[in-house]
């Protein structure tokens, strides 16, 4: 299978993704971030398919010096899921900020899943928000 990294669509998508991936948790020094989008299967195909989107995410993350891990599945109950994660170990100076951001995200997720009757704010890094930002950035890059 040929690499998508030199595909012009991949390059444009990666350039649009860099600012989105670079919005790591406050005071985390660029560590501990991840980015996931859930797209309709047809939308993912129109953008070039799961492999092209994964390649763009890898390319953008590597521009930020991330050590990356990516996933991509089409046809899940959420549609197409594509994600990239920074697997670098955060230095001690940033560990508390990374842990606090992860706790906030997991706490909000647990509250939504448990059906607690309280207002749960959309945390920084929610998949719904990331998907909206991704769509806007890709549309702007293709304009």
C-alpha atoms as a PDB file:
ATOM      1  CA  UNK A   1       0.000   0.000   0.000  1.00  0.00           C
ATOM      2  CA  UNK A   2       1.409   3.385  -1.003  1.00  0.00           C
ATOM      3  CA  UNK A   3       2.041   5.996   1.664  1.00  0.00           C
ATOM      4  CA  UNK A   4      -0.488   8.813   1.910  1.00  0.00           C
ATOM      5  CA  UNK A   5       2.025  11.207   3.492  1.00  0.00           C
ATOM      6  CA  UNK A   6       2.939  12.872   0.168  1.00  0.00           C
ATOM      7  CA  UNK A   7      -0.632  13.084  -1.092  1.00  0.00           C
ATOM      8  CA  UNK A   8      -1.552  16.792  -1.524  1.00  0.00           C
ATOM      9  CA  UNK A   9      -4.857  16.219   0.316  1.00  0.00           C
ATOM     10  CA  UNK A  10      -2.969  14.664   3.231  1.00  0.00           C
ATOM     11  CA  UNK A  11      -0.492  17.544   3.353  1.00  0.00           C
ATOM     12  CA  UNK A  12      -3.282  20.156   3.339  1.00  0.00           C
ATOM     13  CA  UNK A  13      -5.221  18.279   6.006  1.00  0.00           C
ATOM     14  CA  UNK A  14      -2.096  17.943   8.193  1.00  0.00           C
ATOM     15  CA  UNK A  15      -1.414  21.677   7.939  1.00  0.00           C
ATOM     16  CA  UNK A  16      -4.998  22.376   9.043  1.00  0.00           C
ATOM     17  CA  UNK A  17      -4.654  19.927  11.945  1.00  0.00           C
ATOM     18  CA  UNK A  18      -1.427  21.286  13.497  1.00  0.00           C
ATOM     19  CA  UNK A  19      -3.131  24.160  15.390  1.00  0.00           C
ATOM     20  CA  UNK A  20      -5.879  21.822  16.606  1.00  0.00           C
ATOM     21  CA  UNK A  21      -3.404  19.264  17.905  1.00  0.00           C
ATOM     22  CA  UNK A  22      -1.306  21.981  19.480  1.00  0.00           C
ATOM     23  CA  UNK A  23      -4.020  22.961  21.958  1.00  0.00           C
ATOM     24  CA  UNK A  24      -2.824  20.644  24.699  1.00  0.00           C
ATOM     25  CA  UNK A  25      -3.960  20.994  28.315  1.00  0.00           C
ATOM     26  CA  UNK A  26      -3.073  24.304  29.991  1.00  0.00           C
ATOM     27  CA  UNK A  27       0.367  24.233  31.653  1.00  0.00           C
ATOM     28  CA  UNK A  28       1.107  20.790  30.172  1.00  0.00           C
ATOM     29  CA  UNK A  29       4.049  21.990  28.103  1.00  0.00           C
ATOM     30  CA  UNK A  30       2.783  20.344  24.921  1.00  0.00           C
ATOM     31  CA  UNK A  31       2.404  16.883  26.489  1.00  0.00           C
ATOM     32  CA  UNK A  32      -0.531  14.583  27.078  1.00  0.00           C
ATOM     33  CA  UNK A  33      -2.823  15.466  24.234  1.00  0.00           C
ATOM     34  CA  UNK A  34      -4.944  13.412  21.899  1.00  0.00           C
ATOM     35  CA  UNK A  35      -7.329  14.195  19.077  1.00  0.00           C
ATOM     36  CA  UNK A  36     -10.287  12.116  17.889  1.00  0.00           C
ATOM     37  CA  UNK A  37     -12.953  12.718  15.292  1.00  0.00           C
ATOM     38  CA  UNK A  38     -16.143  10.773  14.633  1.00  0.00           C
ATOM     39  CA  UNK A  39     -17.359  11.324  11.086  1.00  0.00           C
ATOM     40  CA  UNK A  40     -20.155   9.867   9.005  1.00  0.00           C
ATOM     41  CA  UNK A  41     -18.701   7.037   6.913  1.00  0.00           C
ATOM     42  CA  UNK A  42     -19.574   8.859   3.673  1.00  0.00           C
ATOM     43  CA  UNK A  43     -17.943  12.059   4.916  1.00  0.00           C
ATOM     44  CA  UNK A  44     -14.727  10.183   5.747  1.00  0.00           C
ATOM     45  CA  UNK A  45     -14.672   8.663   2.258  1.00  0.00           C
ATOM     46  CA  UNK A  46     -15.186  12.115   0.696  1.00  0.00           C
ATOM     47  CA  UNK A  47     -12.185  13.398   2.678  1.00  0.00           C
ATOM     48  CA  UNK A  48      -9.991  10.630   1.268  1.00  0.00           C
ATOM     49  CA  UNK A  49     -10.750   7.730   3.576  1.00  0.00           C
ATOM     50  CA  UNK A  50      -9.652   6.568   6.975  1.00  0.00           C
ATOM     51  CA  UNK A  51      -6.031   5.895   5.987  1.00  0.00           C
ATOM     52  CA  UNK A  52      -5.556   9.372   4.529  1.00  0.00           C
ATOM     53  CA  UNK A  53      -7.077  11.011   7.623  1.00  0.00           C
ATOM     54  CA  UNK A  54      -4.861   8.874   9.904  1.00  0.00           C
ATOM     55  CA  UNK A  55      -1.796   9.777   7.822  1.00  0.00           C
ATOM     56  CA  UNK A  56      -2.672  13.492   8.102  1.00  0.00           C
ATOM     57  CA  UNK A  57      -3.048  13.181  11.876  1.00  0.00           C
ATOM     58  CA  UNK A  58       0.320  11.394  12.152  1.00  0.00           C
ATOM     59  CA  UNK A  59       1.994  14.009   9.964  1.00  0.00           C
ATOM     60  CA  UNK A  60       0.546  16.920  11.980  1.00  0.00           C
ATOM     61  CA  UNK A  61       1.409  15.301  15.328  1.00  0.00           C
ATOM     62  CA  UNK A  62       4.997  14.632  14.284  1.00  0.00           C
ATOM     63  CA  UNK A  63       5.356  18.320  13.394  1.00  0.00           C
ATOM     64  CA  UNK A  64       4.673  18.932  17.101  1.00  0.00           C
ATOM     65  CA  UNK A  65       7.318  16.343  18.082  1.00  0.00           C
ATOM     66  CA  UNK A  66       4.712  13.922  19.383  1.00  0.00           C
ATOM     67  CA  UNK A  67       5.497  10.248  19.612  1.00  0.00           C
ATOM     68  CA  UNK A  68       2.268   9.039  18.031  1.00  0.00           C
ATOM     69  CA  UNK A  69      -0.200   6.226  18.216  1.00  0.00           C
ATOM     70  CA  UNK A  70      -3.147   6.318  15.788  1.00  0.00           C
ATOM     71  CA  UNK A  71      -6.339   4.362  15.242  1.00  0.00           C
ATOM     72  CA  UNK A  72      -8.903   4.446  12.497  1.00  0.00           C
ATOM     73  CA  UNK A  73     -12.081   2.435  11.961  1.00  0.00           C
ATOM     74  CA  UNK A  74     -14.885   2.816   9.491  1.00  0.00           C
ATOM     75  CA  UNK A  75     -18.369   1.456  10.130  1.00  0.00           C
ATOM     76  CA  UNK A  76     -18.496   1.674  13.928  1.00  0.00           C
ATOM     77  CA  UNK A  77     -21.715   2.567  15.718  1.00  0.00           C
ATOM     78  CA  UNK A  78     -20.341   6.129  15.778  1.00  0.00           C
ATOM     79  CA  UNK A  79     -19.482   6.085  12.067  1.00  0.00           C
ATOM     80  CA  UNK A  80     -15.820   6.498  11.220  1.00  0.00           C
ATOM     81  CA  UNK A  81     -13.524   7.019  14.213  1.00  0.00           C
ATOM     82  CA  UNK A  82      -9.992   8.329  13.722  1.00  0.00           C
ATOM     83  CA  UNK A  83      -7.661   9.348  16.549  1.00  0.00           C
ATOM     84  CA  UNK A  84      -4.083  10.267  17.302  1.00  0.00           C
ATOM     85  CA  UNK A  85      -2.480  10.287  20.751  1.00  0.00           C
ATOM     86  CA  UNK A  86       0.800  11.667  22.086  1.00  0.00           C
ATOM     87  CA  UNK A  87       2.482   8.760  23.875  1.00  0.00           C
ATOM     88  CA  UNK A  88       5.471  10.705  25.210  1.00  0.00           C
ATOM     89  CA  UNK A  89       5.927  10.557  28.970  1.00  0.00           C
ATOM     90  CA  UNK A  90       5.300  14.018  30.420  1.00  0.00           C
ATOM     91  CA  UNK A  91       8.185  15.409  32.475  1.00  0.00           C
ATOM     92  CA  UNK A  92       7.540  15.810  36.199  1.00  0.00           C
ATOM     93  CA  UNK A  93       7.103  19.591  35.786  1.00  0.00           C
ATOM     94  CA  UNK A  94       4.015  18.993  33.604  1.00  0.00           C
ATOM     95  CA  UNK A  95       2.702  15.730  35.074  1.00  0.00           C
ATOM     96  CA  UNK A  96       0.146  17.389  37.404  1.00  0.00           C
ATOM     97  CA  UNK A  97      -1.390  19.438  34.555  1.00  0.00           C
ATOM     98  CA  UNK A  98      -1.618  16.363  32.287  1.00  0.00           C
ATOM     99  CA  UNK A  99      -3.178  14.282  35.068  1.00  0.00           C
ATOM    100  CA  UNK A 100      -5.680  17.033  35.967  1.00  0.00           C
ATOM    101  CA  UNK A 101      -6.787  17.375  32.333  1.00  0.00           C
ATOM    102  CA  UNK A 102      -7.236  13.602  32.049  1.00  0.00           C
ATOM    103  CA  UNK A 103      -9.219  13.548  35.299  1.00  0.00           C
ATOM    104  CA  UNK A 104     -11.511  16.344  34.056  1.00  0.00           C
ATOM    105  CA  UNK A 105     -12.165  14.519  30.795  1.00  0.00           C
ATOM    106  CA  UNK A 106     -12.782  11.159  32.465  1.00  0.00           C
ATOM    107  CA  UNK A 107     -15.005  12.722  35.143  1.00  0.00           C
ATOM    108  CA  UNK A 108     -17.197  14.438  32.546  1.00  0.00           C
ATOM    109  CA  UNK A 109     -17.413  11.201  30.555  1.00  0.00           C
ATOM    110  CA  UNK A 110     -18.370   9.181  33.647  1.00  0.00           C
ATOM    111  CA  UNK A 111     -21.056  11.735  34.569  1.00  0.00           C
ATOM    112  CA  UNK A 112     -22.573  11.546  31.087  1.00  0.00           C
ATOM    113  CA  UNK A 113     -22.502   7.737  30.995  1.00  0.00           C
ATOM    114  CA  UNK A 114     -23.992   7.372  34.494  1.00  0.00           C
ATOM    115  CA  UNK A 115     -26.875   9.678  33.593  1.00  0.00           C
ATOM    116  CA  UNK A 116     -26.379  11.859  36.658  1.00  0.00           C
ATOM    117  CA  UNK A 117     -29.102  14.551  36.649  1.00  0.00           C
ATOM    118  CA  UNK A 118     -26.731  17.486  36.595  1.00  0.00           C
ATOM    119  CA  UNK A 119     -25.299  19.853  34.018  1.00  0.00           C
ATOM    120  CA  UNK A 120     -22.039  18.441  32.688  1.00  0.00           C
ATOM    121  CA  UNK A 121     -19.913  20.984  30.833  1.00  0.00           C
ATOM    122  CA  UNK A 122     -18.305  19.981  27.557  1.00  0.00           C
ATOM    123  CA  UNK A 123     -14.668  19.533  28.503  1.00  0.00           C
ATOM    124  CA  UNK A 124     -11.768  20.751  26.428  1.00  0.00           C
ATOM    125  CA  UNK A 125     -10.968  17.872  24.196  1.00  0.00           C
ATOM    126  CA  UNK A 126     -14.445  16.382  23.834  1.00  0.00           C
ATOM    127  CA  UNK A 127     -14.831  14.317  20.678  1.00  0.00           C
ATOM    128  CA  UNK A 128     -17.860  16.343  19.577  1.00  0.00           C
ATOM    129  CA  UNK A 129     -15.906  19.590  19.843  1.00  0.00           C
ATOM    130  CA  UNK A 130     -12.822  18.112  18.152  1.00  0.00           C
ATOM    131  CA  UNK A 131     -14.974  16.832  15.288  1.00  0.00           C
ATOM    132  CA  UNK A 132     -16.509  20.287  14.771  1.00  0.00           C
ATOM    133  CA  UNK A 133     -13.078  21.932  14.834  1.00  0.00           C
ATOM    134  CA  UNK A 134     -11.738  19.324  12.400  1.00  0.00           C
ATOM    135  CA  UNK A 135     -14.600  19.868   9.941  1.00  0.00           C
ATOM    136  CA  UNK A 136     -14.124  23.651  10.066  1.00  0.00           C
ATOM    137  CA  UNK A 137     -10.341  23.452   9.625  1.00  0.00           C
ATOM    138  CA  UNK A 138     -10.564  21.015   6.715  1.00  0.00           C
ATOM    139  CA  UNK A 139     -13.296  23.070   5.024  1.00  0.00           C
ATOM    140  CA  UNK A 140     -11.149  26.201   5.371  1.00  0.00           C
ATOM    141  CA  UNK A 141      -8.077  24.397   4.007  1.00  0.00           C
ATOM    142  CA  UNK A 142     -10.085  23.175   1.006  1.00  0.00           C
ATOM    143  CA  UNK A 143     -11.664  26.593   0.330  1.00  0.00           C
END
